[in-house]
Amino acid sequence: MRIARLTTIAGILLAVTLVAMSGTVRAQPNQARRPDPPPALTIDTANQRHWTVHYEIRIKPPQIRVSRPVDLAASPLILTAGATFAFPLIPDTSMSRANQRRFEGRLRVSNREVDSEPDIESGYQAYTDLAFWRMGPAETRLIDLVVETSMTSYETRIDERVARLYAWPEAPWSNGMVLCLEPQLFVESLDPVVVGLVERWTRGDPRKARPYDLAKFLAGRVVDHMNITDDIFLSASRSPITGIQPPATAFLSGYNVSGAAYAAREGVGSPLDMACLLTAVYRAAGLPARLVVGLDVEKTNESRFPVVRAWTEFFLPIEPKPDPADPDRPIAVTDRDGQWVPVDISSQEAFSSRAPPFDQRWQFFGHNEEFDFIAPFTFHWHPPTAVTTVAGAPAFYGWLPFDQFLPAGDQEIRMWAFETPLRGDDPEVWERR
């Protein structure tokens, strides 16, 4: 395990940096409010791709291995009271624009469609919507949830000079932003080890530095603290199905995620754990952040396995303006009062096992030339509601059988992406021109 360490010189530089950045610009009641800073993060519209991501989640009875070299199916899944299924629908991210008009999803039981019109509910953590499908009582050997989402992905660029103009707001966070400070499954921002790391790294006062510099400093500490030792897959296998195959013909039962608390404590884990740790560290420091998971289209097509990448987005806030129509209304910072900035921390670690110099632009901190080949689709390893998975492994979806006991079963996840075919009247066509 690599132990995070700061040399004497690095400690002095940190102290100077934190002291130099200790002043924050605050709007005073009797002073004219300064104009908002220009955008620190921009998307590169010259490097964009329109993706449709196809997901197939299959639930079936567990396979029993007998002495002969064959697999025999166990008893069928019996759901005497039915079940509900959940899948995330995320809004725009720092590097993508969602296209909800192209969202499709259907639930099939024994290859028979039972629900193709999901209910959409909003207000979940990190501004996630959830789509819910429902099935009635059934005795079956096969349940399939098939979903397609669409988005446009862009390369991103960061102007660090502008980013450092963003100061901590005087107004409180809105309810939606507060949710981006709270723990979630595998992002344990209140874990004592995570909190202890942040207190030690920031000397107990994260707000001595402005948000952007704090985020960059903490990203460097996470890179120094953790070694990537594990693969992202929990288990994977070639599909036994024959015939015409999609670009990705493999399935997996889940992803290898141990979480932020494990990574903080052990200093090792998968690339996915590193993203979890950085997200938790930001939240523990009081900086709203969200985990983003996307399909790496290039690596998926190369490996024939659904390869995902996880990164962190932190929020650069600006002081919200009063509502002229209701000046007495309490002001709170919402997701419209600033920008989300992406940090692909595991790619940064793969690029260099040590954090680059603080005063240089980092390739994967805000600036990312690979994002146009990444299709983001979730902010959680597991939907943020009262659902579970069959195998217990992170797989993005969740289900809730209404029976007293959960039936035993296996899950298979397939994912692939293709460039969205566009018509002449599609908004994406005009954005491209």
Protein backbone atom coordinates (compact mmCIF):
# COMPACT_ATOMS: atom_id res chain seq x y z
CA MET A 1 0.00 0.00 0.00
CA ARG A 2 1.39 3.34 -0.98
CA ILE A 3 1.24 5.87 1.88
CA ALA A 4 0.39 9.49 1.00
CA ARG A 5 3.29 11.71 1.93
CA LEU A 6 4.18 15.36 1.49
CA THR A 7 7.77 16.48 1.47
CA THR A 8 8.81 19.55 3.42
CA ILE A 9 8.85 21.63 0.26
CA ALA A 10 5.41 20.39 -0.80
CA GLY A 11 4.07 21.21 2.68
CA ILE A 12 5.42 24.74 2.46
CA LEU A 13 3.93 25.19 -1.00
CA LEU A 14 0.58 23.96 0.23
CA ALA A 15 0.61 26.36 3.16
CA VAL A 16 1.48 29.27 0.87
CA THR A 17 -1.24 28.23 -1.58
CA LEU A 18 -3.92 27.95 1.10
CA VAL A 19 -2.98 31.27 2.73
CA ALA A 20 -2.78 33.08 -0.61
CA MET A 21 -6.22 31.87 -1.54
CA SER A 22 -7.82 32.49 1.84
CA GLY A 23 -9.69 35.61 0.70
CA THR A 24 -13.09 34.96 -0.84
CA VAL A 25 -15.28 37.37 -2.76
CA ARG A 26 -18.60 37.78 -1.00
CA ALA A 27 -21.57 39.83 -2.10
CA GLN A 28 -22.30 42.55 0.47
CA PRO A 29 -25.90 43.67 1.05
CA ASN A 30 -25.20 47.34 0.36
CA GLN A 31 -22.76 46.87 -2.51
CA ALA A 32 -23.40 46.29 -6.18
CA ARG A 33 -22.95 42.61 -6.96
CA ARG A 34 -20.01 41.84 -9.19
CA PRO A 35 -20.90 40.35 -12.56
CA ASP A 36 -20.77 36.59 -12.79
CA PRO A 37 -17.47 35.19 -14.04
CA PRO A 38 -17.47 33.78 -17.56
CA PRO A 39 -17.73 30.00 -17.98
CA ALA A 40 -14.64 28.21 -16.75
CA LEU A 41 -15.55 24.96 -18.53
CA THR A 42 -16.53 24.83 -22.18
CA ILE A 43 -17.52 21.96 -24.44
CA ASP A 44 -15.76 21.51 -27.76
CA THR A 45 -18.57 21.39 -30.32
CA ALA A 46 -16.03 20.52 -33.01
CA ASN A 47 -15.45 17.21 -31.22
CA GLN A 48 -18.85 15.75 -30.43
CA ARG A 49 -20.60 12.44 -31.02
CA HIS A 50 -24.22 11.41 -30.72
CA TRP A 51 -24.62 8.10 -28.90
CA THR A 52 -27.43 5.67 -28.29
CA VAL A 53 -26.62 3.21 -25.50
CA HIS A 54 -28.44 -0.12 -25.39
CA TYR A 55 -28.75 -2.03 -22.09
CA GLU A 56 -30.06 -5.52 -21.56
CA ILE A 57 -30.46 -6.77 -18.01
CA ARG A 58 -31.51 -10.39 -17.69
CA ILE A 59 -32.68 -12.10 -14.51
CA LYS A 60 -32.92 -15.88 -14.46
CA PRO A 61 -32.80 -18.76 -11.96
CA PRO A 62 -29.35 -19.63 -10.62
CA GLN A 63 -27.44 -22.23 -12.61
CA ILE A 64 -26.52 -25.48 -10.83
CA ARG A 65 -23.32 -27.27 -11.84
CA VAL A 66 -23.63 -31.04 -11.70
CA SER A 67 -21.04 -33.77 -12.20
CA ARG A 68 -21.63 -33.86 -15.93
CA PRO A 69 -20.21 -30.92 -17.96
CA VAL A 70 -23.60 -29.26 -18.39
CA ASP A 71 -25.58 -26.62 -16.56
CA LEU A 72 -29.07 -27.40 -15.35
CA ALA A 73 -31.53 -24.65 -14.61
CA ALA A 74 -32.92 -24.53 -11.08
CA SER A 75 -36.55 -23.96 -10.20
CA PRO A 76 -38.19 -21.01 -11.97
CA LEU A 77 -38.44 -17.58 -10.43
CA ILE A 78 -41.72 -17.36 -8.57
CA LEU A 79 -43.09 -13.90 -7.84
CA THR A 80 -46.46 -14.31 -6.22
CA ALA A 81 -46.95 -10.56 -5.73
CA GLY A 82 -45.07 -9.10 -8.70
CA ALA A 83 -42.16 -6.66 -8.70
CA THR A 84 -41.04 -3.20 -9.77
CA PHE A 85 -37.83 -2.33 -11.65
CA ALA A 86 -35.86 0.94 -11.60
CA PHE A 87 -33.31 2.40 -14.02
CA PRO A 88 -31.63 5.85 -13.86
CA LEU A 89 -32.22 8.70 -16.31
CA ILE A 90 -29.64 11.44 -15.82
CA PRO A 91 -29.81 15.05 -17.03
CA ASP A 92 -27.04 16.92 -18.81
CA THR A 93 -23.55 16.47 -17.40
CA SER A 94 -20.48 18.64 -17.74
CA MET A 95 -19.56 16.76 -20.95
CA SER A 96 -22.90 15.61 -22.37
CA ARG A 97 -26.36 16.74 -23.33
CA ALA A 98 -29.16 14.28 -22.66
CA ASN A 99 -31.79 13.51 -25.29
CA GLN A 100 -34.81 12.31 -23.35
CA ARG A 101 -36.94 12.25 -26.49
CA ARG A 102 -35.11 9.11 -27.60
CA PHE A 103 -35.47 7.24 -24.32
CA GLU A 104 -37.07 3.81 -24.66
CA GLY A 105 -37.53 0.94 -22.24
CA ARG A 106 -39.56 -2.20 -21.88
CA LEU A 107 -39.92 -5.05 -19.42
CA ARG A 108 -40.33 -8.60 -20.72
CA VAL A 109 -41.26 -11.76 -18.84
CA SER A 110 -40.64 -15.06 -20.64
CA ASN A 111 -40.03 -13.02 -23.82
CA ARG A 112 -43.46 -11.43 -23.49
CA GLU A 113 -43.62 -7.67 -23.07
CA VAL A 114 -45.47 -6.66 -19.91
CA ASP A 115 -44.63 -2.94 -19.54
CA SER A 116 -43.26 -0.48 -22.09
CA GLU A 117 -44.54 2.77 -20.51
CA PRO A 118 -42.48 3.37 -17.39
CA ASP A 119 -43.36 5.94 -14.76
CA ILE A 120 -40.73 8.68 -14.44
CA GLU A 121 -40.06 10.13 -10.99
CA SER A 122 -37.77 13.10 -10.25
CA GLY A 123 -36.04 14.57 -7.23
CA TYR A 124 -33.45 11.91 -6.46
CA GLN A 125 -29.86 12.51 -5.40
CA ALA A 126 -27.58 14.27 -7.93
CA TYR A 127 -30.66 15.38 -9.93
CA THR A 128 -31.33 11.85 -11.15
CA ASP A 129 -34.70 10.75 -12.49
CA LEU A 130 -35.76 7.14 -12.15
CA ALA A 131 -37.85 5.15 -14.61
CA PHE A 132 -40.03 2.45 -13.02
CA TRP A 133 -41.50 -0.61 -14.73
CA ARG A 134 -43.92 -2.99 -13.03
CA MET A 135 -44.81 -6.62 -13.49
CA GLY A 136 -47.58 -8.69 -11.92
CA PRO A 137 -47.38 -12.15 -10.36
CA ALA A 138 -45.39 -14.59 -12.48
CA GLU A 139 -43.62 -17.93 -12.57
CA THR A 140 -40.85 -17.61 -15.13
CA ARG A 141 -37.32 -18.58 -16.07
CA LEU A 142 -36.51 -15.27 -17.76
CA ILE A 143 -37.04 -11.56 -17.02
CA ASP A 144 -35.50 -8.94 -19.32
CA LEU A 145 -35.27 -5.19 -18.85
CA VAL A 146 -34.24 -3.53 -22.14
CA VAL A 147 -33.40 0.18 -22.14
CA GLU A 148 -32.02 2.68 -24.66
CA THR A 149 -30.79 6.17 -23.76
CA SER A 150 -29.31 8.85 -26.02
CA MET A 151 -26.97 11.74 -25.49
CA THR A 152 -24.39 13.91 -27.22
CA SER A 153 -20.88 13.71 -25.77
CA TYR A 154 -18.21 16.39 -26.13
CA GLU A 155 -14.57 16.94 -25.39
CA THR A 156 -14.13 19.48 -22.62
CA ARG A 157 -11.79 22.42 -22.05
CA ILE A 158 -11.02 24.28 -18.83
CA ASP A 159 -9.79 27.85 -18.34
CA GLU A 160 -8.05 27.68 -14.98
CA ARG A 161 -7.60 31.44 -14.78
CA VAL A 162 -11.38 31.83 -14.90
CA ALA A 163 -12.03 28.80 -12.70
CA ARG A 164 -10.05 30.38 -9.89
CA LEU A 165 -12.37 33.40 -9.91
CA TYR A 166 -15.17 31.26 -8.49
CA ALA A 167 -15.41 31.76 -4.72
CA TRP A 168 -17.42 30.07 -2.00
CA PRO A 169 -20.95 31.47 -2.01
CA GLU A 170 -22.38 33.26 1.00
CA ALA A 171 -25.84 31.83 0.32
CA PRO A 172 -26.63 28.31 1.54
CA TRP A 173 -26.89 25.30 -0.73
CA SER A 174 -30.31 24.40 -2.09
CA ASN A 175 -31.93 21.10 -1.17
CA GLY A 176 -30.78 19.58 -4.47
CA MET A 177 -27.19 20.62 -3.85
CA VAL A 178 -27.32 19.38 -0.24
CA LEU A 179 -28.11 15.92 -1.62
CA CYS A 180 -24.83 16.16 -3.55
CA LEU A 181 -23.03 16.43 -0.20
CA GLU A 182 -24.63 13.37 1.38
CA PRO A 183 -23.36 9.78 1.31
CA GLN A 184 -24.58 7.18 -1.15
CA LEU A 185 -23.85 3.51 -1.71
CA PHE A 186 -20.07 3.14 -2.26
CA VAL A 187 -19.55 6.90 -1.76
CA GLU A 188 -19.31 6.98 2.04
CA SER A 189 -18.49 10.64 2.56
CA LEU A 190 -19.19 10.45 6.31
CA ASP A 191 -16.94 7.46 6.91
CA PRO A 192 -14.43 8.35 9.66
CA VAL A 193 -11.43 7.37 7.53
CA VAL A 194 -12.60 9.55 4.62
CA VAL A 195 -13.33 12.46 6.94
CA GLY A 196 -9.98 11.98 8.63
CA LEU A 197 -8.10 12.15 5.32
CA VAL A 198 -9.82 15.42 4.40
CA GLU A 199 -9.11 16.95 7.82
CA ARG A 200 -5.46 15.96 7.61
CA TRP A 201 -4.99 17.09 4.02
CA THR A 202 -6.73 20.47 4.51
CA ARG A 203 -5.58 21.01 8.10
CA GLY A 204 -9.18 21.13 9.20
CA ASP A 205 -10.22 24.12 7.07
CA PRO A 206 -11.12 23.23 3.45
CA ARG A 207 -12.51 26.69 2.74
CA LYS A 208 -9.12 28.34 3.05
CA ALA A 209 -8.81 27.58 -0.65
CA ARG A 210 -11.32 28.54 -3.30
CA PRO A 211 -13.42 25.69 -4.72
CA TYR A 212 -11.37 25.01 -7.86
CA ASP A 213 -8.01 25.01 -6.08
CA LEU A 214 -9.42 22.88 -3.27
CA ALA A 215 -10.75 20.36 -5.79
CA LYS A 216 -7.43 20.18 -7.64
CA PHE A 217 -5.43 19.87 -4.44
CA LEU A 218 -7.63 17.04 -3.12
CA ALA A 219 -7.49 15.22 -6.47
CA GLY A 220 -3.71 15.22 -6.20
CA ARG A 221 -3.87 13.81 -2.68
CA VAL A 222 -6.17 10.99 -3.82
CA VAL A 223 -3.78 10.11 -6.66
CA ASP A 224 -0.91 9.94 -4.16
CA HIS A 225 -2.95 8.01 -1.59
CA MET A 226 -4.31 5.17 -3.71
CA ASN A 227 -2.93 2.47 -5.98
CA ILE A 228 -5.10 0.91 -8.67
CA THR A 229 -4.66 -2.84 -8.27
CA ASP A 230 -7.96 -4.39 -9.39
CA ASP A 231 -9.89 -4.77 -12.63
CA ILE A 232 -13.31 -3.17 -13.11
CA PHE A 233 -15.14 -6.45 -13.78
CA LEU A 234 -16.65 -8.57 -11.05
CA SER A 235 -17.26 -11.40 -13.50
CA ALA A 236 -17.79 -11.60 -17.21
CA SER A 237 -18.42 -14.25 -19.85
CA ARG A 238 -19.03 -14.69 -23.54
CA SER A 239 -22.66 -14.85 -24.49
CA PRO A 240 -23.88 -18.36 -25.34
CA ILE A 241 -26.46 -16.89 -27.71
CA THR A 242 -25.78 -17.56 -31.38
CA GLY A 243 -26.83 -15.69 -34.48
CA ILE A 244 -26.47 -12.02 -35.34
CA GLN A 245 -24.62 -10.30 -32.50
CA PRO A 246 -24.43 -6.65 -31.44
CA PRO A 247 -20.99 -4.97 -31.23
CA ALA A 248 -20.58 -6.19 -27.62
CA THR A 249 -21.37 -9.89 -27.35
CA ALA A 250 -20.30 -10.47 -23.75
CA PHE A 251 -22.25 -10.23 -20.54
CA LEU A 252 -21.21 -9.64 -16.95
CA SER A 253 -22.83 -10.05 -13.57
CA GLY A 254 -21.65 -6.75 -12.13
CA TYR A 255 -18.74 -4.39 -11.60
CA ASN A 256 -15.92 -4.56 -9.10
CA VAL A 257 -16.72 -1.74 -6.69
CA SER A 258 -15.64 -1.85 -3.06
CA GLY A 259 -16.29 1.82 -2.42
CA ALA A 260 -14.72 4.97 -1.02
CA ALA A 261 -14.36 3.76 2.57
CA TYR A 262 -12.44 0.67 1.45
CA ALA A 263 -10.19 2.70 -0.85
CA ALA A 264 -9.52 5.27 1.88
CA ARG A 265 -8.70 2.60 4.43
CA GLU A 266 -6.66 0.22 2.26
CA GLY A 267 -5.20 2.62 -0.30
CA VAL A 268 -5.95 0.16 -3.12
CA GLY A 269 -8.87 -0.79 -5.35
CA SER A 270 -10.20 -0.62 -8.87
CA PRO A 271 -10.36 2.52 -11.05
CA LEU A 272 -14.03 2.67 -10.10
CA ASP A 273 -13.11 2.81 -6.41
CA MET A 274 -10.79 5.74 -7.04
CA ALA A 275 -13.66 7.74 -8.54
CA CYS A 276 -15.81 6.81 -5.53
CA LEU A 277 -13.09 7.98 -3.16
CA LEU A 278 -12.61 11.35 -4.87
CA THR A 279 -16.37 11.97 -4.89
CA ALA A 280 -16.56 11.14 -1.18
CA VAL A 281 -13.53 13.34 -0.40
CA TYR A 282 -15.10 16.31 -2.16
CA ARG A 283 -18.35 15.86 -0.28
CA ALA A 284 -16.55 15.49 3.04
CA ALA A 285 -14.77 18.79 2.29
CA GLY A 286 -18.13 20.53 1.74
CA LEU A 287 -17.86 20.68 -2.05
CA PRO A 288 -20.95 19.32 -3.86
CA ALA A 289 -19.96 16.45 -6.14
CA ARG A 290 -21.50 13.58 -8.04
CA LEU A 291 -20.19 10.31 -9.40
CA VAL A 292 -20.64 9.82 -13.15
CA VAL A 293 -20.46 6.43 -14.88
CA GLY A 294 -20.30 6.11 -18.63
CA LEU A 295 -19.74 3.45 -21.26
CA ASP A 296 -16.33 3.66 -22.93
CA VAL A 297 -17.43 3.00 -26.49
CA GLU A 298 -13.97 2.49 -27.99
CA LYS A 299 -12.75 0.04 -25.34
CA THR A 300 -16.06 -1.79 -25.35
CA ASN A 301 -15.83 -2.37 -29.07
CA GLU A 302 -12.20 -3.46 -28.77
CA SER A 303 -12.64 -5.87 -25.87
CA ARG A 304 -16.18 -7.04 -26.65
CA PHE A 305 -16.99 -6.50 -22.98
CA PRO A 306 -19.03 -3.55 -21.65
CA VAL A 307 -16.22 -1.35 -20.33
CA VAL A 308 -17.29 1.56 -18.16
CA ARG A 309 -15.41 4.55 -16.82
CA ALA A 310 -16.25 6.42 -13.66
CA TRP A 311 -15.27 9.99 -12.86
CA THR A 312 -16.27 12.82 -10.55
CA GLU A 313 -17.97 16.13 -11.22
CA PHE A 314 -17.59 18.87 -8.61
CA PHE A 315 -19.58 22.08 -8.54
CA LEU A 316 -18.07 25.54 -9.09
CA PRO A 317 -20.61 27.90 -7.48
CA ILE A 318 -21.42 31.56 -7.97
CA GLU A 319 -23.46 33.73 -5.66
CA PRO A 320 -27.14 33.48 -6.73
CA LYS A 321 -28.95 36.63 -7.75
CA PRO A 322 -32.15 37.72 -5.98
CA ASP A 323 -35.40 37.16 -7.82
CA PRO A 324 -36.61 40.64 -8.94
CA ALA A 325 -40.20 39.43 -8.68
CA ASP A 326 -39.71 38.22 -5.09
CA PRO A 327 -36.72 40.00 -3.49
CA ASP A 328 -37.66 38.78 0.01
CA ARG A 329 -37.47 35.13 -0.99
CA PRO A 330 -34.51 33.31 0.65
CA ILE A 331 -31.67 32.79 -1.78
CA ALA A 332 -30.03 29.38 -2.13
CA VAL A 333 -27.38 28.08 -4.54
CA THR A 334 -28.89 25.71 -7.10
CA ASP A 335 -27.31 23.73 -9.92
CA ARG A 336 -28.00 26.72 -12.19
CA ASP A 337 -25.71 28.95 -10.11
CA GLY A 338 -22.39 27.64 -11.37
CA GLN A 339 -20.82 24.83 -13.36
CA TRP A 340 -20.03 21.16 -12.94
CA VAL A 341 -16.38 20.33 -13.68
CA PRO A 342 -15.30 16.75 -14.55
CA VAL A 343 -12.28 15.05 -12.98
CA ASP A 344 -11.34 11.69 -14.52
CA ILE A 345 -9.12 10.73 -11.62
CA SER A 346 -8.35 7.12 -12.62
CA SER A 347 -7.23 8.25 -16.09
CA GLN A 348 -5.04 10.85 -14.41
CA GLU A 349 -3.50 8.13 -12.24
CA ALA A 350 -2.90 5.94 -15.29
CA PHE A 351 -1.25 8.91 -17.01
CA SER A 352 1.03 9.56 -14.02
CA SER A 353 1.29 7.72 -10.70
CA ARG A 354 2.10 11.05 -9.06
CA ALA A 355 -0.01 14.18 -9.21
CA PRO A 356 1.35 16.73 -11.71
CA PRO A 357 2.54 20.15 -10.50
CA PHE A 358 -0.32 22.15 -9.03
CA ASP A 359 0.26 25.20 -11.25
CA GLN A 360 0.04 23.19 -14.51
CA ARG A 361 -3.09 22.19 -16.39
CA TRP A 362 -3.86 18.51 -15.91
CA GLN A 363 -4.97 16.47 -18.89
CA PHE A 364 -7.95 14.89 -17.11
CA PHE A 365 -8.90 17.68 -14.72
CA GLY A 366 -11.57 19.63 -16.56
CA HIS A 367 -9.66 19.24 -19.82
CA ASN A 368 -10.50 15.91 -21.43
CA GLU A 369 -9.93 14.95 -25.06
CA GLU A 370 -11.50 11.49 -24.70
CA PHE A 371 -14.98 12.38 -23.50
CA ASP A 372 -16.58 12.41 -26.96
CA PHE A 373 -16.17 8.61 -26.96
CA ILE A 374 -17.76 8.19 -23.52
CA ALA A 375 -21.55 7.83 -23.12
CA PRO A 376 -22.60 8.71 -19.53
CA PHE A 377 -25.72 7.04 -18.18
CA THR A 378 -25.82 7.05 -14.37
CA PHE A 379 -24.77 8.93 -11.23
CA HIS A 380 -25.04 5.86 -8.98
CA TRP A 381 -23.85 2.27 -8.94
CA HIS A 382 -27.30 1.43 -7.68
CA PRO A 383 -30.54 3.43 -8.05
CA PRO A 384 -30.95 5.74 -5.04
CA THR A 385 -34.17 4.19 -3.80
CA ALA A 386 -35.42 1.10 -1.94
CA VAL A 387 -34.52 -1.52 -4.55
CA THR A 388 -31.91 -4.28 -4.71
CA THR A 389 -30.21 -6.45 -7.34
CA VAL A 390 -30.39 -10.19 -7.78
CA ALA A 391 -26.69 -10.88 -7.33
CA GLY A 392 -25.97 -7.93 -5.03
CA ALA A 393 -23.32 -6.65 -7.47
CA PRO A 394 -23.45 -3.06 -8.79
CA ALA A 395 -25.34 -3.14 -12.07
CA PHE A 396 -27.12 0.28 -12.32
CA TYR A 397 -30.64 -1.15 -12.25
CA GLY A 398 -32.64 -2.29 -9.24
CA TRP A 399 -35.71 -4.38 -8.60
CA LEU A 400 -38.08 -4.77 -5.67
CA PRO A 401 -40.10 -7.99 -5.52
CA PHE A 402 -43.25 -7.53 -3.46
CA ASP A 403 -42.94 -11.03 -1.99
CA GLN A 404 -41.83 -11.60 1.58
CA PHE A 405 -38.58 -13.25 0.47
CA LEU A 406 -36.31 -12.33 -2.42
CA PRO A 407 -36.11 -15.14 -4.97
CA ALA A 408 -32.66 -16.49 -5.74
CA GLY A 409 -31.39 -15.70 -9.22
CA ASP A 410 -28.53 -14.66 -11.47
CA GLN A 411 -28.18 -11.43 -13.42
CA GLU A 412 -26.53 -10.77 -16.76
CA ILE A 413 -25.80 -7.29 -18.07
CA ARG A 414 -25.05 -6.46 -21.68
CA MET A 415 -24.30 -2.96 -22.97
CA TRP A 416 -23.19 -1.50 -26.23
CA ALA A 417 -23.40 1.85 -28.00
CA PHE A 418 -23.80 3.01 -31.57
CA GLU A 419 -23.85 6.43 -33.15
CA THR A 420 -27.38 7.75 -33.23
CA PRO A 421 -28.83 7.92 -36.75
CA LEU A 422 -30.05 11.48 -37.26
CA ARG A 423 -32.82 12.88 -39.38
CA GLY A 424 -32.63 16.25 -41.06
CA ASP A 425 -35.03 17.84 -38.57
CA ASP A 426 -33.28 16.53 -35.46
CA PRO A 427 -31.97 19.29 -33.16
CA GLU A 428 -28.62 17.49 -32.98
CA VAL A 429 -28.11 18.04 -36.71
CA TRP A 430 -28.49 21.79 -36.35
CA GLU A 431 -26.18 21.83 -33.33
CA ARG A 432 -23.54 20.06 -35.41
CA ARG A 433 -23.67 22.65 -38.20
